[in-house]
PDB file of N, CA and C in Angstrom:
ATOM      1  N   UNK A   1     133.190 202.731-155.368  1.00  0.00           N
ATOM      2  CA  UNK A   1     131.819 202.817-155.852  1.00  0.00           C
ATOM      3  C   UNK A   1     130.925 203.207-154.674  1.00  0.00           C
ATOM      4  N   UNK A   2     130.143 204.269-154.855  1.00  0.00           N
ATOM      5  CA  UNK A   2     129.251 204.676-153.771  1.00  0.00           C
ATOM      6  C   UNK A   2     127.966 203.845-153.797  1.00  0.00           C
ATOM      7  N   UNK A   3     127.124 204.077-152.791  1.00  0.00           N
ATOM      8  CA  UNK A   3     125.909 203.259-152.665  1.00  0.00           C
ATOM      9  C   UNK A   3     124.942 203.445-153.831  1.00  0.00           C
ATOM     10  N   UNK A   4     124.829 204.658-154.318  1.00  0.00           N
ATOM     11  CA  UNK A   4     123.910 204.908-155.443  1.00  0.00           C
ATOM     12  C   UNK A   4     124.385 204.154-156.688  1.00  0.00           C
ATOM     13  N   UNK A   5     125.679 204.197-156.953  1.00  0.00           N
ATOM     14  CA  UNK A   5     126.231 203.465-158.096  1.00  0.00           C
ATOM     15  C   UNK A   5     126.070 201.960-157.909  1.00  0.00           C
ATOM     16  N   UNK A   6     126.265 201.498-156.659  1.00  0.00           N
ATOM     17  CA  UNK A   6     126.107 200.074-156.353  1.00  0.00           C
ATOM     18  C   UNK A   6     124.661 199.641-156.580  1.00  0.00           C
ATOM     19  N   UNK A   7     123.698 200.464-156.140  1.00  0.00           N
ATOM     20  CA  UNK A   7     122.280 200.131-156.310  1.00  0.00           C
ATOM     21  C   UNK A   7     121.929 200.025-157.790  1.00  0.00           C
ATOM     22  N   UNK A   8     122.416 200.951-158.591  1.00  0.00           N
ATOM     23  CA  UNK A   8     122.156 200.918-160.031  1.00  0.00           C
ATOM     24  C   UNK A   8     122.758 199.661-160.648  1.00  0.00           C
ATOM     25  N   UNK A   9     123.973 199.345-160.230  1.00  0.00           N
ATOM     26  CA  UNK A   9     124.645 198.147-160.762  1.00  0.00           C
ATOM     27  C   UNK A   9     123.881 196.876-160.401  1.00  0.00           C
ATOM     28  N   UNK A  10     123.440 196.784-159.141  1.00  0.00           N
ATOM     29  CA  UNK A  10     122.672 195.607-158.691  1.00  0.00           C
ATOM     30  C   UNK A  10     121.412 195.465-159.527  1.00  0.00           C
ATOM     31  N   UNK A  11     120.686 196.537-159.707  1.00  0.00           N
ATOM     32  CA  UNK A  11     119.423 196.485-160.455  1.00  0.00           C
ATOM     33  C   UNK A  11     119.645 196.135-161.928  1.00  0.00           C
ATOM     34  N   UNK A  12     120.656 196.696-162.528  1.00  0.00           N
ATOM     35  CA  UNK A  12     120.936 196.391-163.941  1.00  0.00           C
ATOM     36  C   UNK A  12     121.336 194.930-164.134  1.00  0.00           C
ATOM     37  N   UNK A  13     122.189 194.443-163.271  1.00  0.00           N
ATOM     38  CA  UNK A  13     122.627 193.048-163.383  1.00  0.00           C
ATOM     39  C   UNK A  13     121.475 192.102-163.071  1.00  0.00           C
ATOM     40  N   UNK A  14     120.698 192.416-162.033  1.00  0.00           N
ATOM     41  CA  UNK A  14     119.544 191.570-161.686  1.00  0.00           C
ATOM     42  C   UNK A  14     118.561 191.517-162.851  1.00  0.00           C
ATOM     43  N   UNK A  15     118.324 192.652-163.483  1.00  0.00           N
ATOM     44  CA  UNK A  15     117.405 192.695-164.629  1.00  0.00           C
ATOM     45  C   UNK A  15     117.908 191.805-165.766  1.00  0.00           C
ATOM     46  N   UNK A  16     119.208 191.852-166.027  1.00  0.00           N
ATOM     47  CA  UNK A  16     119.788 191.013-167.083  1.00  0.00           C
ATOM     48  C   UNK A  16     119.644 189.532-166.753  1.00  0.00           C
ATOM     49  N   UNK A  17     119.841 189.176-165.499  1.00  0.00           N
ATOM     50  CA  UNK A  17     119.713 187.769-165.090  1.00  0.00           C
ATOM     51  C   UNK A  17     118.262 187.306-165.233  1.00  0.00           C
ATOM     52  N   UNK A  18     117.319 188.135-164.802  1.00  0.00           N
ATOM     53  CA  UNK A  18     115.895 187.777-164.927  1.00  0.00           C
ATOM     54  C   UNK A  18     115.527 187.612-166.397  1.00  0.00           C
ATOM     55  N   UNK A  19     116.039 188.483-167.237  1.00  0.00           N
ATOM     56  CA  UNK A  19     115.764 188.392-168.668  1.00  0.00           C
ATOM     57  C   UNK A  19     116.266 187.059-169.235  1.00  0.00           C
ATOM     58  N   UNK A  20     117.459 186.631-168.787  1.00  0.00           N
ATOM     59  CA  UNK A  20     118.054 185.393-169.294  1.00  0.00           C
ATOM     60  C   UNK A  20     117.404 184.139-168.720  1.00  0.00           C
ATOM     61  N   UNK A  21     117.149 184.142-167.401  1.00  0.00           N
ATOM     62  CA  UNK A  21     116.726 182.919-166.716  1.00  0.00           C
ATOM     63  C   UNK A  21     115.267 182.883-166.286  1.00  0.00           C
ATOM     64  N   UNK A  22     114.652 184.050-166.160  1.00  0.00           N
ATOM     65  CA  UNK A  22     113.289 184.092-165.633  1.00  0.00           C
ATOM     66  C   UNK A  22     113.264 184.234-164.120  1.00  0.00           C
ATOM     67  N   UNK A  23     114.411 184.288-163.497  1.00  0.00           N
ATOM     68  CA  UNK A  23     114.530 184.469-162.044  1.00  0.00           C
ATOM     69  C   UNK A  23     115.924 185.011-161.751  1.00  0.00           C
ATOM     70  N   UNK A  24     116.103 185.516-160.548  1.00  0.00           N
ATOM     71  CA  UNK A  24     117.420 185.956-160.099  1.00  0.00           C
ATOM     72  C   UNK A  24     117.647 185.431-158.683  1.00  0.00           C
ATOM     73  N   UNK A  25     118.865 185.009-158.425  1.00  0.00           N
ATOM     74  CA  UNK A  25     119.249 184.553-157.093  1.00  0.00           C
ATOM     75  C   UNK A  25     120.457 185.353-156.629  1.00  0.00           C
ATOM     76  N   UNK A  26     120.668 185.379-155.332  1.00  0.00           N
ATOM     77  CA  UNK A  26     121.822 186.090-154.775  1.00  0.00           C
ATOM     78  C   UNK A  26     123.123 185.503-155.308  1.00  0.00           C
ATOM     79  N   UNK A  27     123.192 184.192-155.418  1.00  0.00           N
ATOM     80  CA  UNK A  27     124.410 183.532-155.899  1.00  0.00           C
ATOM     81  C   UNK A  27     124.718 183.978-157.332  1.00  0.00           C
ATOM     82  N   UNK A  28     123.715 183.961-158.198  1.00  0.00           N
ATOM     83  CA  UNK A  28     123.917 184.415-159.581  1.00  0.00           C
ATOM     84  C   UNK A  28     124.361 185.875-159.619  1.00  0.00           C
ATOM     85  N   UNK A  29     123.744 186.690-158.775  1.00  0.00           N
ATOM     86  CA  UNK A  29     124.085 188.110-158.725  1.00  0.00           C
ATOM     87  C   UNK A  29     125.531 188.314-158.284  1.00  0.00           C
ATOM     88  N   UNK A  30     125.952 187.607-157.240  1.00  0.00           N
ATOM     89  CA  UNK A  30     127.334 187.741-156.755  1.00  0.00           C
ATOM     90  C   UNK A  30     128.345 187.294-157.813  1.00  0.00           C
ATOM     91  N   UNK A  31     128.025 186.245-158.531  1.00  0.00           N
ATOM     92  CA  UNK A  31     128.925 185.779-159.589  1.00  0.00           C
ATOM     93  C   UNK A  31     129.011 186.827-160.695  1.00  0.00           C
ATOM     94  N   UNK A  32     127.881 187.340-161.137  1.00  0.00           N
ATOM     95  CA  UNK A  32     127.861 188.315-162.223  1.00  0.00           C
ATOM     96  C   UNK A  32     128.518 189.633-161.817  1.00  0.00           C
ATOM     97  N   UNK A  33     128.455 189.961-160.518  1.00  0.00           N
ATOM     98  CA  UNK A  33     129.078 191.202-160.034  1.00  0.00           C
ATOM     99  C   UNK A  33     130.572 191.017-159.729  1.00  0.00           C
ATOM    100  N   UNK A  34     131.095 189.834-159.986  1.00  0.00           N
ATOM    101  CA  UNK A  34     132.491 189.489-159.688  1.00  0.00           C
ATOM    102  C   UNK A  34     132.806 189.555-158.199  1.00  0.00           C
ATOM    103  N   UNK A  35     131.806 189.292-157.381  1.00  0.00           N
ATOM    104  CA  UNK A  35     132.011 189.191-155.938  1.00  0.00           C
ATOM    105  C   UNK A  35     132.290 187.742-155.544  1.00  0.00           C
ATOM    106  N   UNK A  36     131.901 186.815-156.415  1.00  0.00           N
ATOM    107  CA  UNK A  36     132.092 185.388-156.185  1.00  0.00           C
ATOM    108  C   UNK A  36     132.555 184.765-157.494  1.00  0.00           C
ATOM    109  N   UNK A  37     133.691 184.097-157.445  1.00  0.00           N
ATOM    110  CA  UNK A  37     134.173 183.449-158.663  1.00  0.00           C
ATOM    111  C   UNK A  37     133.433 182.130-158.873  1.00  0.00           C
ATOM    112  N   UNK A  38     133.370 181.708-160.108  1.00  0.00           N
ATOM    113  CA  UNK A  38     132.747 180.423-160.423  1.00  0.00           C
ATOM    114  C   UNK A  38     133.510 179.308-159.700  1.00  0.00           C
ATOM    115  N   UNK A  39     134.820 179.441-159.634  1.00  0.00           N
ATOM    116  CA  UNK A  39     135.653 178.436-158.958  1.00  0.00           C
ATOM    117  C   UNK A  39     135.307 178.338-157.462  1.00  0.00           C
ATOM    118  N   UNK A  40     135.159 179.490-156.792  1.00  0.00           N
ATOM    119  CA  UNK A  40     134.790 179.469-155.367  1.00  0.00           C
ATOM    120  C   UNK A  40     133.372 178.955-155.162  1.00  0.00           C
ATOM    121  N   UNK A  41     132.481 179.253-156.107  1.00  0.00           N
ATOM    122  CA  UNK A  41     131.119 178.729-156.036  1.00  0.00           C
ATOM    123  C   UNK A  41     131.142 177.203-156.129  1.00  0.00           C
ATOM    124  N   UNK A  42     131.921 176.687-157.062  1.00  0.00           N
ATOM    125  CA  UNK A  42     132.019 175.229-157.216  1.00  0.00           C
ATOM    126  C   UNK A  42     132.644 174.578-155.983  1.00  0.00           C
ATOM    127  N   UNK A  43     133.642 175.223-155.397  1.00  0.00           N
ATOM    128  CA  UNK A  43     134.247 174.687-154.163  1.00  0.00           C
ATOM    129  C   UNK A  43     133.202 174.589-153.058  1.00  0.00           C
ATOM    130  N   UNK A  44     132.368 175.607-152.932  1.00  0.00           N
ATOM    131  CA  UNK A  44     131.304 175.593-151.927  1.00  0.00           C
ATOM    132  C   UNK A  44     130.316 174.466-152.218  1.00  0.00           C
ATOM    133  N   UNK A  45     129.915 174.334-153.484  1.00  0.00           N
ATOM    134  CA  UNK A  45     128.958 173.288-153.844  1.00  0.00           C
ATOM    135  C   UNK A  45     129.520 171.885-153.622  1.00  0.00           C
ATOM    136  N   UNK A  46     130.851 171.765-153.690  1.00  0.00           N
ATOM    137  CA  UNK A  46     131.505 170.464-153.472  1.00  0.00           C
ATOM    138  C   UNK A  46     131.940 170.282-152.024  1.00  0.00           C
ATOM    139  N   UNK A  47     131.509 171.155-151.140  1.00  0.00           N
ATOM    140  CA  UNK A  47     131.804 171.123-149.701  1.00  0.00           C
ATOM    141  C   UNK A  47     133.288 171.287-149.381  1.00  0.00           C
ATOM    142  N   UNK A  48     134.016 171.969-150.245  1.00  0.00           N
ATOM    143  CA  UNK A  48     135.425 172.254-149.980  1.00  0.00           C
ATOM    144  C   UNK A  48     135.577 173.572-149.232  1.00  0.00           C
ATOM    145  N   UNK A  49     134.497 174.338-149.149  1.00  0.00           N
ATOM    146  CA  UNK A  49     134.431 175.582-148.395  1.00  0.00           C
ATOM    147  C   UNK A  49     133.233 175.431-147.457  1.00  0.00           C
ATOM    148  N   UNK A  50     133.390 175.724-146.148  1.00  0.00           N
ATOM    149  CA  UNK A  50     132.307 175.452-145.197  1.00  0.00           C
ATOM    150  C   UNK A  50     131.050 176.300-145.367  1.00  0.00           C
ATOM    151  N   UNK A  51     131.193 177.527-145.865  1.00  0.00           N
ATOM    152  CA  UNK A  51     130.030 178.385-146.076  1.00  0.00           C
ATOM    153  C   UNK A  51     130.344 179.378-147.192  1.00  0.00           C
ATOM    154  N   UNK A  52     129.316 179.802-147.891  1.00  0.00           N
ATOM    155  CA  UNK A  52     129.479 180.619-149.100  1.00  0.00           C
ATOM    156  C   UNK A  52     130.148 181.961-148.823  1.00  0.00           C
ATOM    157  N   UNK A  53     129.795 182.625-147.733  1.00  0.00           N
ATOM    158  CA  UNK A  53     130.355 183.949-147.443  1.00  0.00           C
ATOM    159  C   UNK A  53     131.878 183.948-147.418  1.00  0.00           C
ATOM    160  N   UNK A  54     132.473 182.829-147.108  1.00  0.00           N
ATOM    161  CA  UNK A  54     133.934 182.747-147.077  1.00  0.00           C
ATOM    162  C   UNK A  54     134.534 183.002-148.456  1.00  0.00           C
ATOM    163  N   UNK A  55     133.828 182.641-149.512  1.00  0.00           N
ATOM    164  CA  UNK A  55     134.342 182.814-150.862  1.00  0.00           C
ATOM    165  C   UNK A  55     133.930 184.114-151.531  1.00  0.00           C
ATOM    166  N   UNK A  56     133.028 184.866-150.897  1.00  0.00           N
ATOM    167  CA  UNK A  56     132.549 186.109-151.490  1.00  0.00           C
ATOM    168  C   UNK A  56     133.499 187.247-151.138  1.00  0.00           C
ATOM    169  N   UNK A  57     133.847 188.039-152.149  1.00  0.00           N
ATOM    170  CA  UNK A  57     134.722 189.187-151.940  1.00  0.00           C
ATOM    171  C   UNK A  57     133.904 190.390-151.489  1.00  0.00           C
ATOM    172  N   UNK A  58     134.377 191.075-150.486  1.00  0.00           N
ATOM    173  CA  UNK A  58     133.680 192.232-149.936  1.00  0.00           C
ATOM    174  C   UNK A  58     133.344 191.978-148.483  1.00  0.00           C
ATOM    175  N   UNK A  59     133.076 193.046-147.768  1.00  0.00           N
ATOM    176  CA  UNK A  59     132.739 192.881-146.354  1.00  0.00           C
ATOM    177  C   UNK A  59     131.250 192.597-146.180  1.00  0.00           C
ATOM    178  N   UNK A  60     130.871 192.165-144.997  1.00  0.00           N
ATOM    179  CA  UNK A  60     129.483 191.771-144.757  1.00  0.00           C
ATOM    180  C   UNK A  60     128.519 192.947-144.895  1.00  0.00           C
ATOM    181  N   UNK A  61     128.978 194.148-144.563  1.00  0.00           N
ATOM    182  CA  UNK A  61     128.117 195.331-144.705  1.00  0.00           C
ATOM    183  C   UNK A  61     127.777 195.548-146.184  1.00  0.00           C
ATOM    184  N   UNK A  62     128.767 195.399-147.040  1.00  0.00           N
ATOM    185  CA  UNK A  62     128.541 195.569-148.482  1.00  0.00           C
ATOM    186  C   UNK A  62     127.630 194.465-149.015  1.00  0.00           C
ATOM    187  N   UNK A  63     127.863 193.232-148.588  1.00  0.00           N
ATOM    188  CA  UNK A  63     127.024 192.117-149.038  1.00  0.00           C
ATOM    189  C   UNK A  63     125.582 192.310-148.589  1.00  0.00           C
ATOM    190  N   UNK A  64     125.426 192.773-147.363  1.00  0.00           N
ATOM    191  CA  UNK A  64     124.090 193.031-146.833  1.00  0.00           C
ATOM    192  C   UNK A  64     123.381 194.099-147.657  1.00  0.00           C
ATOM    193  N   UNK A  65     124.104 195.136-148.057  1.00  0.00           N
ATOM    194  CA  UNK A  65     123.516 196.191-148.876  1.00  0.00           C
ATOM    195  C   UNK A  65     123.104 195.643-150.248  1.00  0.00           C
ATOM    196  N   UNK A  66     123.939 194.830-150.841  1.00  0.00           N
ATOM    197  CA  UNK A  66     123.616 194.230-152.139  1.00  0.00           C
ATOM    198  C   UNK A  66     122.348 193.384-152.026  1.00  0.00           C
ATOM    199  N   UNK A  67     122.249 192.597-150.953  1.00  0.00           N
ATOM    200  CA  UNK A  67     121.069 191.756-150.750  1.00  0.00           C
ATOM    201  C   UNK A  67     119.813 192.617-150.550  1.00  0.00           C
ATOM    202  N   UNK A  68     119.954 193.697-149.803  1.00  0.00           N
ATOM    203  CA  UNK A  68     118.830 194.614-149.583  1.00  0.00           C
ATOM    204  C   UNK A  68     118.364 195.200-150.912  1.00  0.00           C
ATOM    205  N   UNK A  69     119.300 195.603-151.747  1.00  0.00           N
ATOM    206  CA  UNK A  69     118.949 196.166-153.054  1.00  0.00           C
ATOM    207  C   UNK A  69     118.308 195.112-153.959  1.00  0.00           C
ATOM    208  N   UNK A  70     118.771 193.888-153.861  1.00  0.00           N
ATOM    209  CA  UNK A  70     118.167 192.806-154.645  1.00  0.00           C
ATOM    210  C   UNK A  70     116.712 192.604-154.232  1.00  0.00           C
ATOM    211  N   UNK A  71     116.446 192.568-152.929  1.00  0.00           N
ATOM    212  CA  UNK A  71     115.070 192.394-152.454  1.00  0.00           C
ATOM    213  C   UNK A  71     114.188 193.573-152.872  1.00  0.00           C
ATOM    214  N   UNK A  72     114.747 194.782-152.799  1.00  0.00           N
ATOM    215  CA  UNK A  72     114.003 195.975-153.210  1.00  0.00           C
ATOM    216  C   UNK A  72     113.679 195.922-154.706  1.00  0.00           C
ATOM    217  N   UNK A  73     114.665 195.556-155.503  1.00  0.00           N
ATOM    218  CA  UNK A  73     114.461 195.416-156.949  1.00  0.00           C
ATOM    219  C   UNK A  73     113.343 194.398-157.222  1.00  0.00           C
ATOM    220  N   UNK A  74     113.428 193.252-156.560  1.00  0.00           N
ATOM    221  CA  UNK A  74     112.454 192.181-156.788  1.00  0.00           C
ATOM    222  C   UNK A  74     111.045 192.623-156.404  1.00  0.00           C
ATOM    223  N   UNK A  75     110.935 193.324-155.308  1.00  0.00           N
ATOM    224  CA  UNK A  75     109.620 193.794-154.867  1.00  0.00           C
ATOM    225  C   UNK A  75     109.060 194.815-155.851  1.00  0.00           C
ATOM    226  N   UNK A  76     109.883 195.769-156.265  1.00  0.00           N
ATOM    227  CA  UNK A  76     109.435 196.789-157.218  1.00  0.00           C
ATOM    228  C   UNK A  76     109.062 196.189-158.574  1.00  0.00           C
ATOM    229  N   UNK A  77     109.720 195.130-158.937  1.00  0.00           N
ATOM    230  CA  UNK A  77     109.504 194.473-160.232  1.00  0.00           C
ATOM    231  C   UNK A  77     108.361 193.465-160.182  1.00  0.00           C
ATOM    232  N   UNK A  78     107.851 193.186-158.954  1.00  0.00           N
ATOM    233  CA  UNK A  78     106.755 192.231-158.795  1.00  0.00           C
ATOM    234  C   UNK A  78     107.186 190.787-158.926  1.00  0.00           C
ATOM    235  N   UNK A  79     108.448 190.499-158.608  1.00  0.00           N
ATOM    236  CA  UNK A  79     108.943 189.128-158.683  1.00  0.00           C
ATOM    237  C   UNK A  79     108.495 188.358-157.445  1.00  0.00           C
ATOM    238  N   UNK A  80     108.233 187.082-157.641  1.00  0.00           N
ATOM    239  CA  UNK A  80     107.738 186.235-156.559  1.00  0.00           C
ATOM    240  C   UNK A  80     108.917 185.573-155.841  1.00  0.00           C
ATOM    241  N   UNK A  81     109.023 185.761-154.507  1.00  0.00           N
ATOM    242  CA  UNK A  81     110.101 185.092-153.776  1.00  0.00           C
ATOM    243  C   UNK A  81     109.841 183.586-153.695  1.00  0.00           C
ATOM    244  N   UNK A  82     110.875 182.817-153.919  1.00  0.00           N
ATOM    245  CA  UNK A  82     110.772 181.358-153.877  1.00  0.00           C
ATOM    246  C   UNK A  82     111.993 180.814-153.150  1.00  0.00           C
ATOM    247  N   UNK A  83     111.772 180.261-151.965  1.00  0.00           N
ATOM    248  CA  UNK A  83     112.874 179.733-151.184  1.00  0.00           C
ATOM    249  C   UNK A  83     113.368 178.441-151.824  1.00  0.00           C
ATOM    250  N   UNK A  84     114.670 178.305-151.940  1.00  0.00           N
ATOM    251  CA  UNK A  84     115.269 177.179-152.657  1.00  0.00           C
ATOM    252  C   UNK A  84     116.314 176.488-151.798  1.00  0.00           C
ATOM    253  N   UNK A  85     116.297 175.172-151.789  1.00  0.00           N
ATOM    254  CA  UNK A  85     117.339 174.421-151.094  1.00  0.00           C
ATOM    255  C   UNK A  85     118.580 174.357-151.973  1.00  0.00           C
ATOM    256  N   UNK A  86     119.730 174.497-151.369  1.00  0.00           N
ATOM    257  CA  UNK A  86     120.997 174.311-152.063  1.00  0.00           C
ATOM    258  C   UNK A  86     121.664 173.084-151.458  1.00  0.00           C
ATOM    259  N   UNK A  87     121.932 172.087-152.306  1.00  0.00           N
ATOM    260  CA  UNK A  87     122.592 170.861-151.856  1.00  0.00           C
ATOM    261  C   UNK A  87     123.950 170.719-152.525  1.00  0.00           C
ATOM    262  N   UNK A  88     124.798 169.961-151.879  1.00  0.00           N
ATOM    263  CA  UNK A  88     126.155 169.767-152.389  1.00  0.00           C
ATOM    264  C   UNK A  88     126.143 168.958-153.675  1.00  0.00           C
ATOM    265  N   UNK A  89     127.209 169.151-154.447  1.00  0.00           N
ATOM    266  CA  UNK A  89     127.438 168.396-155.670  1.00  0.00           C
ATOM    267  C   UNK A  89     128.459 167.305-155.388  1.00  0.00           C
ATOM    268  N   UNK A  90     128.580 166.371-156.306  1.00  0.00           N
ATOM    269  CA  UNK A  90     129.637 165.371-156.227  1.00  0.00           C
ATOM    270  C   UNK A  90     129.171 164.050-155.649  1.00  0.00           C
ATOM    271  N   UNK A  91     130.156 163.212-155.386  1.00  0.00           N
ATOM    272  CA  UNK A  91     129.880 161.873-154.863  1.00  0.00           C
ATOM    273  C   UNK A  91     129.476 161.947-153.400  1.00  0.00           C
ATOM    274  N   UNK A  92     128.808 160.897-152.971  1.00  0.00           N
ATOM    275  CA  UNK A  92     128.397 160.824-151.578  1.00  0.00           C
ATOM    276  C   UNK A  92     127.023 161.430-151.360  1.00  0.00           C
ATOM    277  N   UNK A  93     126.607 161.441-150.093  1.00  0.00           N
ATOM    278  CA  UNK A  93     125.275 161.972-149.785  1.00  0.00           C
ATOM    279  C   UNK A  93     125.194 163.472-150.072  1.00  0.00           C
ATOM    280  N   UNK A  94     124.041 163.893-150.531  1.00  0.00           N
ATOM    281  CA  UNK A  94     123.811 165.308-150.798  1.00  0.00           C
ATOM    282  C   UNK A  94     123.538 166.002-149.457  1.00  0.00           C
ATOM    283  N   UNK A  95     124.325 167.028-149.170  1.00  0.00           N
ATOM    284  CA  UNK A  95     124.229 167.740-147.905  1.00  0.00           C
ATOM    285  C   UNK A  95     123.702 169.147-148.163  1.00  0.00           C
ATOM    286  N   UNK A  96     122.791 169.605-147.299  1.00  0.00           N
ATOM    287  CA  UNK A  96     122.279 170.969-147.411  1.00  0.00           C
ATOM    288  C   UNK A  96     123.430 171.930-147.108  1.00  0.00           C
ATOM    289  N   UNK A  97     123.635 172.900-147.982  1.00  0.00           N
ATOM    290  CA  UNK A  97     124.766 173.810-147.865  1.00  0.00           C
ATOM    291  C   UNK A  97     124.431 175.024-147.004  1.00  0.00           C
ATOM    292  N   UNK A  98     125.481 175.598-146.426  1.00  0.00           N
ATOM    293  CA  UNK A  98     125.338 176.756-145.560  1.00  0.00           C
ATOM    294  C   UNK A  98     125.898 177.986-146.266  1.00  0.00           C
ATOM    295  N   UNK A  99     125.194 179.095-146.139  1.00  0.00           N
ATOM    296  CA  UNK A  99     125.605 180.344-146.772  1.00  0.00           C
ATOM    297  C   UNK A  99     126.462 181.204-145.844  1.00  0.00           C
ATOM    298  N   UNK A 100     126.085 181.271-144.566  1.00  0.00           N
ATOM    299  CA  UNK A 100     126.740 182.178-143.629  1.00  0.00           C
ATOM    300  C   UNK A 100     127.534 181.398-142.578  1.00  0.00           C
ATOM    301  N   UNK A 101     128.453 182.100-141.927  1.00  0.00           N
ATOM    302  CA  UNK A 101     129.350 181.470-140.950  1.00  0.00           C
ATOM    303  C   UNK A 101     128.574 180.783-139.827  1.00  0.00           C
ATOM    304  N   UNK A 102     127.576 181.468-139.289  1.00  0.00           N
ATOM    305  CA  UNK A 102     126.861 180.927-138.127  1.00  0.00           C
ATOM    306  C   UNK A 102     125.576 180.199-138.480  1.00  0.00           C
ATOM    307  N   UNK A 103     125.163 180.242-139.723  1.00  0.00           N
ATOM    308  CA  UNK A 103     123.987 179.490-140.162  1.00  0.00           C
ATOM    309  C   UNK A 103     122.673 179.986-139.598  1.00  0.00           C
ATOM    310  N   UNK A 104     122.586 181.272-139.254  1.00  0.00           N
ATOM    311  CA  UNK A 104     121.348 181.841-138.736  1.00  0.00           C
ATOM    312  C   UNK A 104     120.232 181.610-139.756  1.00  0.00           C
ATOM    313  N   UNK A 105     119.117 181.003-139.335  1.00  0.00           N
ATOM    314  CA  UNK A 105     118.055 180.655-140.283  1.00  0.00           C
ATOM    315  C   UNK A 105     117.528 181.835-141.096  1.00  0.00           C
ATOM    316  N   UNK A 106     117.407 183.011-140.484  1.00  0.00           N
ATOM    317  CA  UNK A 106     116.888 184.157-141.235  1.00  0.00           C
ATOM    318  C   UNK A 106     117.875 184.607-142.308  1.00  0.00           C
ATOM    319  N   UNK A 107     119.164 184.560-142.017  1.00  0.00           N
ATOM    320  CA  UNK A 107     120.188 184.923-142.999  1.00  0.00           C
ATOM    321  C   UNK A 107     120.240 183.873-144.113  1.00  0.00           C
ATOM    322  N   UNK A 108     120.174 182.614-143.717  1.00  0.00           N
ATOM    323  CA  UNK A 108     120.196 181.528-144.694  1.00  0.00           C
ATOM    324  C   UNK A 108     119.020 181.643-145.667  1.00  0.00           C
ATOM    325  N   UNK A 109     117.861 181.995-145.137  1.00  0.00           N
ATOM    326  CA  UNK A 109     116.672 182.116-145.982  1.00  0.00           C
ATOM    327  C   UNK A 109     116.830 183.249-146.997  1.00  0.00           C
ATOM    328  N   UNK A 110     117.436 184.353-146.577  1.00  0.00           N
ATOM    329  CA  UNK A 110     117.646 185.479-147.491  1.00  0.00           C
ATOM    330  C   UNK A 110     118.545 185.053-148.653  1.00  0.00           C
ATOM    331  N   UNK A 111     119.636 184.374-148.349  1.00  0.00           N
ATOM    332  CA  UNK A 111     120.552 183.924-149.401  1.00  0.00           C
ATOM    333  C   UNK A 111     119.900 182.901-150.333  1.00  0.00           C
ATOM    334  N   UNK A 112     119.039 182.050-149.771  1.00  0.00           N
ATOM    335  CA  UNK A 112     118.470 180.945-150.548  1.00  0.00           C
ATOM    336  C   UNK A 112     117.206 181.313-151.314  1.00  0.00           C
ATOM    337  N   UNK A 113     116.777 182.558-151.233  1.00  0.00           N
ATOM    338  CA  UNK A 113     115.565 182.973-151.926  1.00  0.00           C
ATOM    339  C   UNK A 113     115.870 183.370-153.368  1.00  0.00           C
ATOM    340  N   UNK A 114     115.139 182.783-154.276  1.00  0.00           N
ATOM    341  CA  UNK A 114     115.185 183.170-155.684  1.00  0.00           C
ATOM    342  C   UNK A 114     113.969 184.051-155.929  1.00  0.00           C
ATOM    343  N   UNK A 115     114.119 185.018-156.808  1.00  0.00           N
ATOM    344  CA  UNK A 115     113.006 185.902-157.148  1.00  0.00           C
ATOM    345  C   UNK A 115     112.595 185.597-158.584  1.00  0.00           C
ATOM    346  N   UNK A 116     111.372 185.109-158.725  1.00  0.00           N
ATOM    347  CA  UNK A 116     110.896 184.532-159.976  1.00  0.00           C
ATOM    348  C   UNK A 116     109.932 185.478-160.685  1.00  0.00           C
ATOM    349  N   UNK A 117     110.123 185.626-161.989  1.00  0.00           N
ATOM    350  CA  UNK A 117     109.195 186.370-162.830  1.00  0.00           C
ATOM    351  C   UNK A 117     108.099 185.383-163.237  1.00  0.00           C
ATOM    352  N   UNK A 118     107.116 185.238-162.362  1.00  0.00           N
ATOM    353  CA  UNK A 118     106.065 184.234-162.561  1.00  0.00           C
ATOM    354  C   UNK A 118     105.262 184.497-163.832  1.00  0.00           C
ATOM    355  N   UNK A 119     105.030 185.762-164.160  1.00  0.00           N
ATOM    356  CA  UNK A 119     104.262 186.091-165.371  1.00  0.00           C
ATOM    357  C   UNK A 119     104.977 185.573-166.614  1.00  0.00           C
ATOM    358  N   UNK A 120     106.276 185.780-166.662  1.00  0.00           N
ATOM    359  CA  UNK A 120     107.058 185.344-167.827  1.00  0.00           C
ATOM    360  C   UNK A 120     107.099 183.819-167.923  1.00  0.00           C
ATOM    361  N   UNK A 121     107.319 183.156-166.792  1.00  0.00           N
ATOM    362  CA  UNK A 121     107.422 181.699-166.816  1.00  0.00           C
ATOM    363  C   UNK A 121     106.087 181.043-167.132  1.00  0.00           C
ATOM    364  N   UNK A 122     104.967 181.690-166.751  1.00  0.00           N
ATOM    365  CA  UNK A 122     103.641 181.137-167.058  1.00  0.00           C
ATOM    366  C   UNK A 122     103.325 181.236-168.545  1.00  0.00           C
ATOM    367  N   UNK A 123     103.941 182.178-169.246  1.00  0.00           N
ATOM    368  CA  UNK A 123     103.702 182.342-170.688  1.00  0.00           C
ATOM    369  C   UNK A 123     104.398 181.266-171.507  1.00  0.00           C
ATOM    370  N   UNK A 124     105.413 180.634-170.936  1.00  0.00           N
ATOM    371  CA  UNK A 124     106.203 179.646-171.697  1.00  0.00           C
ATOM    372  C   UNK A 124     105.531 178.317-171.763  1.00  0.00           C
TER     373      UNK A 124
END
């Protein structure tokens, strides 16, 4: 799949997610694009995987491009960025989860940002 096809796919899937939920997140997008299985997502949420990128299929360059296209889609669509904490599931103390291997704050923030259709949610 070339970059143009990938960009179209990202935008179409993101649009479908926004239509269903009123927002789109990178995690939802990766799951819907079959880059992240629900099982690997659950392992990460249960702290069985140290960081999310380990469970995502594809190289970091491809993931970075997908994230860039998601941000571009959100900006063009007028979606409001909303930073969200991700905490572990299960028994014991809730621990803030890590998305990337090194936990760089700027990378973590990109992964943890949800893009919200504020106009739609205000109508409900």
